[in-house]
Amino acid sequence: MPVNIPLELIIGIVSCLLTLMILSYLIGDNPAFRVAVYLFVGVSAGYAAAVACRQVLWPRMIIPLLTGSFGDRVVALFALLGGALLLMKLS
């Protein structure tokens, strides 16, 4: 027989554990603190990337390339080319 645990209870327990892991820095730098920091940084970077893709790249680059006028397509292609050149600079 499955047990139905409310989602609010799980969220509360996870948030309490993460708070304790962050506050464990008061004792000294330890692995629990590092795991919590890496988790927070990873989640915030993923959220920022998702917001950038959904609210900037999709409506301002992909949609004009697919359905825009000729001028919109040219501008989007130049932006895409500039981004590709910037990424090539890393290698």
N, C-alpha and C. Protein backbone atom coordinates (compact mmCIF):
# COMPACT_ATOMS: atom_id res chain seq x y z
N MET A 1 0.85 -1.18 0.00
CA MET A 1 0.00 0.00 0.00
C MET A 1 0.89 1.24 0.00
N PRO A 2 0.82 2.08 -1.06
CA PRO A 2 1.70 3.26 -1.12
C PRO A 2 1.30 4.31 -0.09
N VAL A 3 2.31 4.98 0.40
CA VAL A 3 2.09 6.04 1.38
C VAL A 3 2.12 7.38 0.64
N ASN A 4 1.10 8.19 0.83
CA ASN A 4 1.03 9.50 0.20
C ASN A 4 1.63 10.55 1.12
N ILE A 5 2.82 11.01 0.78
CA ILE A 5 3.48 12.05 1.56
C ILE A 5 3.21 13.38 0.87
N PRO A 6 2.71 14.36 1.61
CA PRO A 6 2.43 15.66 0.97
C PRO A 6 3.72 16.31 0.45
N LEU A 7 3.60 16.97 -0.70
CA LEU A 7 4.74 17.63 -1.31
C LEU A 7 5.30 18.73 -0.41
N GLU A 8 4.43 19.41 0.32
CA GLU A 8 4.88 20.48 1.22
C GLU A 8 5.80 19.93 2.30
N LEU A 9 5.52 18.71 2.77
CA LEU A 9 6.37 18.10 3.80
C LEU A 9 7.76 17.80 3.25
N ILE A 10 7.82 17.28 2.04
CA ILE A 10 9.12 16.98 1.42
C ILE A 10 9.90 18.27 1.18
N ILE A 11 9.24 19.30 0.67
CA ILE A 11 9.90 20.58 0.44
C ILE A 11 10.40 21.17 1.75
N GLY A 12 9.61 21.07 2.79
CA GLY A 12 10.02 21.58 4.11
C GLY A 12 11.23 20.85 4.65
N ILE A 13 11.26 19.53 4.51
CA ILE A 13 12.40 18.76 5.01
C ILE A 13 13.67 19.09 4.23
N VAL A 14 13.54 19.17 2.91
CA VAL A 14 14.72 19.49 2.08
C VAL A 14 15.23 20.88 2.38
N SER A 15 14.33 21.84 2.53
CA SER A 15 14.78 23.21 2.82
C SER A 15 15.40 23.30 4.21
N CYS A 16 14.87 22.56 5.16
CA CYS A 16 15.48 22.54 6.50
C CYS A 16 16.88 21.94 6.45
N LEU A 17 17.04 20.83 5.72
CA LEU A 17 18.37 20.21 5.61
C LEU A 17 19.36 21.14 4.91
N LEU A 18 18.93 21.81 3.84
CA LEU A 18 19.83 22.73 3.15
C LEU A 18 20.20 23.91 4.04
N THR A 19 19.26 24.40 4.84
CA THR A 19 19.56 25.49 5.76
C THR A 19 20.58 25.05 6.80
N LEU A 20 20.41 23.85 7.33
CA LEU A 20 21.38 23.34 8.31
C LEU A 20 22.75 23.12 7.67
N MET A 21 22.75 22.68 6.41
CA MET A 21 24.03 22.48 5.72
C MET A 21 24.75 23.81 5.51
N ILE A 22 24.01 24.86 5.20
CA ILE A 22 24.63 26.18 5.04
C ILE A 22 25.10 26.71 6.39
N LEU A 23 24.29 26.54 7.40
CA LEU A 23 24.67 27.04 8.73
C LEU A 23 25.80 26.23 9.35
N SER A 24 26.09 25.04 8.82
CA SER A 24 27.21 24.26 9.35
C SER A 24 28.55 24.93 9.07
N TYR A 25 28.56 25.97 8.24
CA TYR A 25 29.79 26.72 7.99
C TYR A 25 30.26 27.43 9.25
N LEU A 26 29.34 27.70 10.18
CA LEU A 26 29.73 28.34 11.44
C LEU A 26 30.66 27.45 12.25
N ILE A 27 30.52 26.14 12.10
CA ILE A 27 31.41 25.20 12.79
C ILE A 27 32.76 25.17 12.10
N GLY A 28 32.76 25.30 10.81
CA GLY A 28 33.99 25.26 10.02
C GLY A 28 33.65 24.78 8.62
N ASP A 29 34.59 24.98 7.71
CA ASP A 29 34.37 24.54 6.34
C ASP A 29 34.32 23.02 6.32
N ASN A 30 33.21 22.47 5.84
CA ASN A 30 33.05 21.02 5.84
C ASN A 30 32.37 20.57 4.55
N PRO A 31 32.34 19.25 4.30
CA PRO A 31 31.74 18.76 3.05
C PRO A 31 30.25 19.05 2.90
N ALA A 32 29.51 19.09 3.99
CA ALA A 32 28.07 19.39 3.91
C ALA A 32 27.86 20.80 3.37
N PHE A 33 28.64 21.74 3.84
CA PHE A 33 28.53 23.12 3.35
C PHE A 33 28.89 23.19 1.87
N ARG A 34 29.93 22.50 1.47
CA ARG A 34 30.35 22.52 0.07
C ARG A 34 29.28 21.93 -0.84
N VAL A 35 28.66 20.84 -0.41
CA VAL A 35 27.59 20.22 -1.21
C VAL A 35 26.43 21.19 -1.37
N ALA A 36 26.05 21.87 -0.30
CA ALA A 36 24.94 22.82 -0.36
C ALA A 36 25.28 24.00 -1.28
N VAL A 37 26.50 24.49 -1.20
CA VAL A 37 26.91 25.62 -2.05
C VAL A 37 26.92 25.18 -3.51
N TYR A 38 27.48 24.02 -3.81
CA TYR A 38 27.51 23.53 -5.19
C TYR A 38 26.09 23.32 -5.71
N LEU A 39 25.20 22.84 -4.87
CA LEU A 39 23.82 22.63 -5.27
C LEU A 39 23.13 23.96 -5.57
N PHE A 40 23.32 24.95 -4.71
CA PHE A 40 22.71 26.26 -4.94
C PHE A 40 23.27 26.92 -6.20
N VAL A 41 24.56 26.84 -6.40
CA VAL A 41 25.17 27.44 -7.59
C VAL A 41 24.69 26.73 -8.85
N GLY A 42 24.62 25.41 -8.83
CA GLY A 42 24.16 24.66 -9.99
C GLY A 42 22.71 24.94 -10.33
N VAL A 43 21.87 24.99 -9.32
CA VAL A 43 20.45 25.26 -9.56
C VAL A 43 20.26 26.68 -10.09
N SER A 44 20.98 27.64 -9.52
CA SER A 44 20.81 29.03 -9.99
C SER A 44 21.37 29.20 -11.41
N ALA A 45 22.46 28.52 -11.75
CA ALA A 45 22.99 28.61 -13.12
C ALA A 45 22.04 27.96 -14.11
N GLY A 46 21.46 26.83 -13.75
CA GLY A 46 20.49 26.18 -14.62
C GLY A 46 19.24 27.03 -14.82
N TYR A 47 18.79 27.66 -13.74
CA TYR A 47 17.61 28.53 -13.85
C TYR A 47 17.90 29.73 -14.73
N ALA A 48 19.08 30.33 -14.57
CA ALA A 48 19.45 31.48 -15.39
C ALA A 48 19.55 31.09 -16.87
N ALA A 49 20.10 29.91 -17.15
CA ALA A 49 20.20 29.46 -18.54
C ALA A 49 18.83 29.20 -19.13
N ALA A 50 17.94 28.61 -18.35
CA ALA A 50 16.58 28.34 -18.85
C ALA A 50 15.83 29.65 -19.12
N VAL A 51 15.97 30.63 -18.24
CA VAL A 51 15.30 31.92 -18.44
C VAL A 51 15.88 32.62 -19.67
N ALA A 52 17.20 32.57 -19.84
CA ALA A 52 17.82 33.21 -21.00
C ALA A 52 17.35 32.56 -22.30
N CYS A 53 17.28 31.24 -22.31
CA CYS A 53 16.83 30.56 -23.53
C CYS A 53 15.37 30.87 -23.83
N ARG A 54 14.55 30.82 -22.81
CA ARG A 54 13.10 30.96 -23.02
C ARG A 54 12.68 32.40 -23.31
N GLN A 55 13.31 33.38 -22.65
CA GLN A 55 12.84 34.75 -22.78
C GLN A 55 13.69 35.62 -23.69
N VAL A 56 14.89 35.16 -24.05
CA VAL A 56 15.75 35.98 -24.91
C VAL A 56 16.03 35.28 -26.23
N LEU A 57 16.63 34.11 -26.18
CA LEU A 57 17.05 33.45 -27.42
C LEU A 57 15.88 33.00 -28.28
N TRP A 58 14.89 32.39 -27.68
CA TRP A 58 13.77 31.89 -28.47
C TRP A 58 13.01 33.02 -29.16
N PRO A 59 12.52 34.03 -28.43
CA PRO A 59 11.73 35.04 -29.14
C PRO A 59 12.54 36.00 -30.00
N ARG A 60 13.83 36.18 -29.72
CA ARG A 60 14.60 37.18 -30.47
C ARG A 60 15.53 36.59 -31.52
N MET A 61 15.73 35.25 -31.51
CA MET A 61 16.61 34.67 -32.51
C MET A 61 15.93 33.54 -33.28
N ILE A 62 15.34 32.61 -32.59
CA ILE A 62 14.79 31.43 -33.28
C ILE A 62 13.51 31.77 -34.04
N ILE A 63 12.59 32.45 -33.39
CA ILE A 63 11.33 32.79 -34.06
C ILE A 63 11.56 33.72 -35.26
N PRO A 64 12.40 34.75 -35.17
CA PRO A 64 12.65 35.55 -36.39
C PRO A 64 13.32 34.75 -37.51
N LEU A 65 14.16 33.77 -37.15
CA LEU A 65 14.77 32.94 -38.21
C LEU A 65 13.73 32.08 -38.91
N LEU A 66 12.73 31.63 -38.17
CA LEU A 66 11.73 30.74 -38.75
C LEU A 66 10.60 31.48 -39.44
N THR A 67 10.12 32.56 -38.84
CA THR A 67 8.90 33.19 -39.37
C THR A 67 9.05 34.67 -39.67
N GLY A 68 10.22 35.24 -39.51
CA GLY A 68 10.38 36.68 -39.69
C GLY A 68 10.53 37.09 -41.14
N SER A 69 10.57 38.40 -41.34
CA SER A 69 10.80 38.94 -42.67
C SER A 69 12.29 38.78 -43.02
N PHE A 70 12.64 39.21 -44.23
CA PHE A 70 14.03 39.08 -44.68
C PHE A 70 14.97 39.87 -43.77
N GLY A 71 14.59 41.09 -43.40
CA GLY A 71 15.43 41.91 -42.53
C GLY A 71 15.61 41.29 -41.15
N ASP A 72 14.52 40.71 -40.61
CA ASP A 72 14.63 40.04 -39.31
C ASP A 72 15.56 38.83 -39.39
N ARG A 73 15.48 38.10 -40.50
CA ARG A 73 16.35 36.93 -40.66
C ARG A 73 17.82 37.32 -40.76
N VAL A 74 18.10 38.41 -41.46
CA VAL A 74 19.48 38.87 -41.60
C VAL A 74 20.04 39.29 -40.24
N VAL A 75 19.26 40.04 -39.47
CA VAL A 75 19.71 40.47 -38.14
C VAL A 75 19.94 39.26 -37.24
N ALA A 76 19.03 38.28 -37.27
CA ALA A 76 19.18 37.09 -36.44
C ALA A 76 20.39 36.27 -36.87
N LEU A 77 20.65 36.21 -38.18
CA LEU A 77 21.82 35.47 -38.65
C LEU A 77 23.12 36.15 -38.22
N PHE A 78 23.15 37.49 -38.26
CA PHE A 78 24.35 38.18 -37.77
C PHE A 78 24.56 37.95 -36.28
N ALA A 79 23.48 37.95 -35.51
CA ALA A 79 23.60 37.68 -34.08
C ALA A 79 24.07 36.25 -33.84
N LEU A 80 23.54 35.32 -34.61
CA LEU A 80 23.97 33.93 -34.48
C LEU A 80 25.43 33.76 -34.87
N LEU A 81 25.86 34.43 -35.91
CA LEU A 81 27.25 34.38 -36.34
C LEU A 81 28.17 35.00 -35.29
N GLY A 82 27.76 36.13 -34.73
CA GLY A 82 28.57 36.75 -33.67
C GLY A 82 28.70 35.88 -32.45
N GLY A 83 27.61 35.23 -32.05
CA GLY A 83 27.67 34.30 -30.92
C GLY A 83 28.56 33.11 -31.19
N ALA A 84 28.50 32.58 -32.41
CA ALA A 84 29.35 31.45 -32.79
C ALA A 84 30.82 31.85 -32.78
N LEU A 85 31.12 33.07 -33.26
CA LEU A 85 32.51 33.53 -33.23
C LEU A 85 33.02 33.71 -31.81
N LEU A 86 32.15 34.20 -30.91
CA LEU A 86 32.56 34.33 -29.51
C LEU A 86 32.82 32.97 -28.88
N LEU A 87 32.00 31.98 -29.20
CA LEU A 87 32.23 30.64 -28.67
C LEU A 87 33.50 30.02 -29.23
N MET A 88 33.82 30.33 -30.50
CA MET A 88 35.07 29.80 -31.08
C MET A 88 36.30 30.40 -30.44
N LYS A 89 36.18 31.58 -29.87
CA LYS A 89 37.32 32.21 -29.22
C LYS A 89 37.76 31.41 -28.01
N LEU A 90 36.85 30.67 -27.38
CA LEU A 90 37.21 29.87 -26.21
C LEU A 90 38.15 28.73 -26.54
N SER A 91 38.07 28.21 -27.77
CA SER A 91 38.89 27.04 -28.09
C SER A 91 40.20 27.40 -28.76
